[in-house]
């Protein structure tokens, strides 16, 4: 939460940033970057990741709130 000035700023902007940056391409690039030599991430995993992120920005904020605050 360091780059946000307040909780309301985080709650308003984090879901947008999450959905814009947590893309299937970002996941593919990251996983292929740590893959063993000669291997690459399965496309089914990339699709599953993409489907799991789409529309879930508000859920991410709610989970962060539950995890970090009483």
Protein backbone atom coordinates (compact mmCIF):
# COMPACT_ATOMS: atom_id res chain seq x y z
CA UNK A 1 0.00 0.00 0.00
CA UNK A 2 3.08 2.23 0.03
CA UNK A 3 2.30 4.17 -3.15
CA UNK A 4 -1.22 5.10 -2.03
CA UNK A 5 -1.86 8.12 0.20
CA UNK A 6 -4.85 6.65 2.03
CA UNK A 7 -7.11 3.63 2.24
CA UNK A 8 -9.73 5.32 0.06
CA UNK A 9 -7.04 6.01 -2.56
CA UNK A 10 -5.96 2.36 -2.42
CA UNK A 11 -9.55 1.08 -2.55
CA UNK A 12 -10.30 3.26 -5.58
CA UNK A 13 -7.12 2.73 -7.62
CA UNK A 14 -5.69 -0.69 -6.71
CA UNK A 15 -8.43 -2.75 -8.43
CA UNK A 16 -7.83 -0.88 -11.69
CA UNK A 17 -4.04 -1.27 -11.48
CA UNK A 18 -4.40 -4.96 -10.51
CA UNK A 19 -6.57 -5.80 -13.49
CA UNK A 20 -4.42 -3.79 -15.90
CA UNK A 21 -1.09 -5.26 -14.78
CA UNK A 22 -2.04 -8.84 -13.85
CA UNK A 23 -2.42 -9.96 -17.45
CA UNK A 24 -2.02 -13.33 -19.08
CA UNK A 25 1.04 -12.02 -20.92
CA UNK A 26 2.64 -10.83 -17.67
CA UNK A 27 2.00 -14.26 -16.12
CA UNK A 28 3.39 -16.07 -19.18
CA UNK A 29 6.52 -13.89 -19.23
CA UNK A 30 7.14 -14.35 -15.51
CA UNK A 31 6.60 -18.10 -15.51
CA UNK A 32 8.69 -18.63 -18.63
CA UNK A 33 11.42 -16.57 -16.98
CA UNK A 34 11.72 -19.09 -14.14
CA UNK A 35 10.99 -22.25 -16.16
CA UNK A 36 13.60 -25.02 -16.27
CA UNK A 37 15.76 -25.02 -19.41
CA UNK A 38 13.84 -26.19 -22.48
CA UNK A 39 10.42 -25.89 -20.85
CA UNK A 40 7.66 -23.29 -20.95
CA UNK A 41 4.45 -22.63 -19.04
CA UNK A 42 1.36 -24.57 -20.15
CA UNK A 43 -1.14 -22.39 -22.01
CA UNK A 44 -3.95 -23.86 -19.90
CA UNK A 45 -2.31 -22.35 -16.82
CA UNK A 46 -2.07 -18.97 -18.56
CA UNK A 47 -5.77 -19.11 -19.49
CA UNK A 48 -6.74 -20.13 -15.97
CA UNK A 49 -4.73 -17.25 -14.52
CA UNK A 50 -6.35 -14.76 -16.92
CA UNK A 51 -9.84 -16.00 -16.04
CA UNK A 52 -9.03 -15.80 -12.34
CA UNK A 53 -7.97 -12.14 -12.53
CA UNK A 54 -10.66 -10.71 -14.79
CA UNK A 55 -13.18 -8.74 -12.75
CA UNK A 56 -11.50 -9.62 -9.45
CA UNK A 57 -9.94 -6.27 -8.51
CA UNK A 58 -12.52 -5.56 -5.80
CA UNK A 59 -12.08 -9.09 -4.42
CA UNK A 60 -8.32 -8.50 -4.20
CA UNK A 61 -8.89 -5.35 -2.14
CA UNK A 62 -11.37 -7.14 0.14
CA UNK A 63 -8.90 -10.00 0.68
CA UNK A 64 -6.09 -7.57 1.46
CA UNK A 65 -8.32 -5.78 3.97
CA UNK A 66 -9.25 -9.07 5.70
CA UNK A 67 -5.63 -10.23 5.78
CA UNK A 68 -4.02 -7.02 7.00
CA UNK A 69 -6.50 -5.31 9.32
CA UNK A 70 -8.73 -6.25 12.24
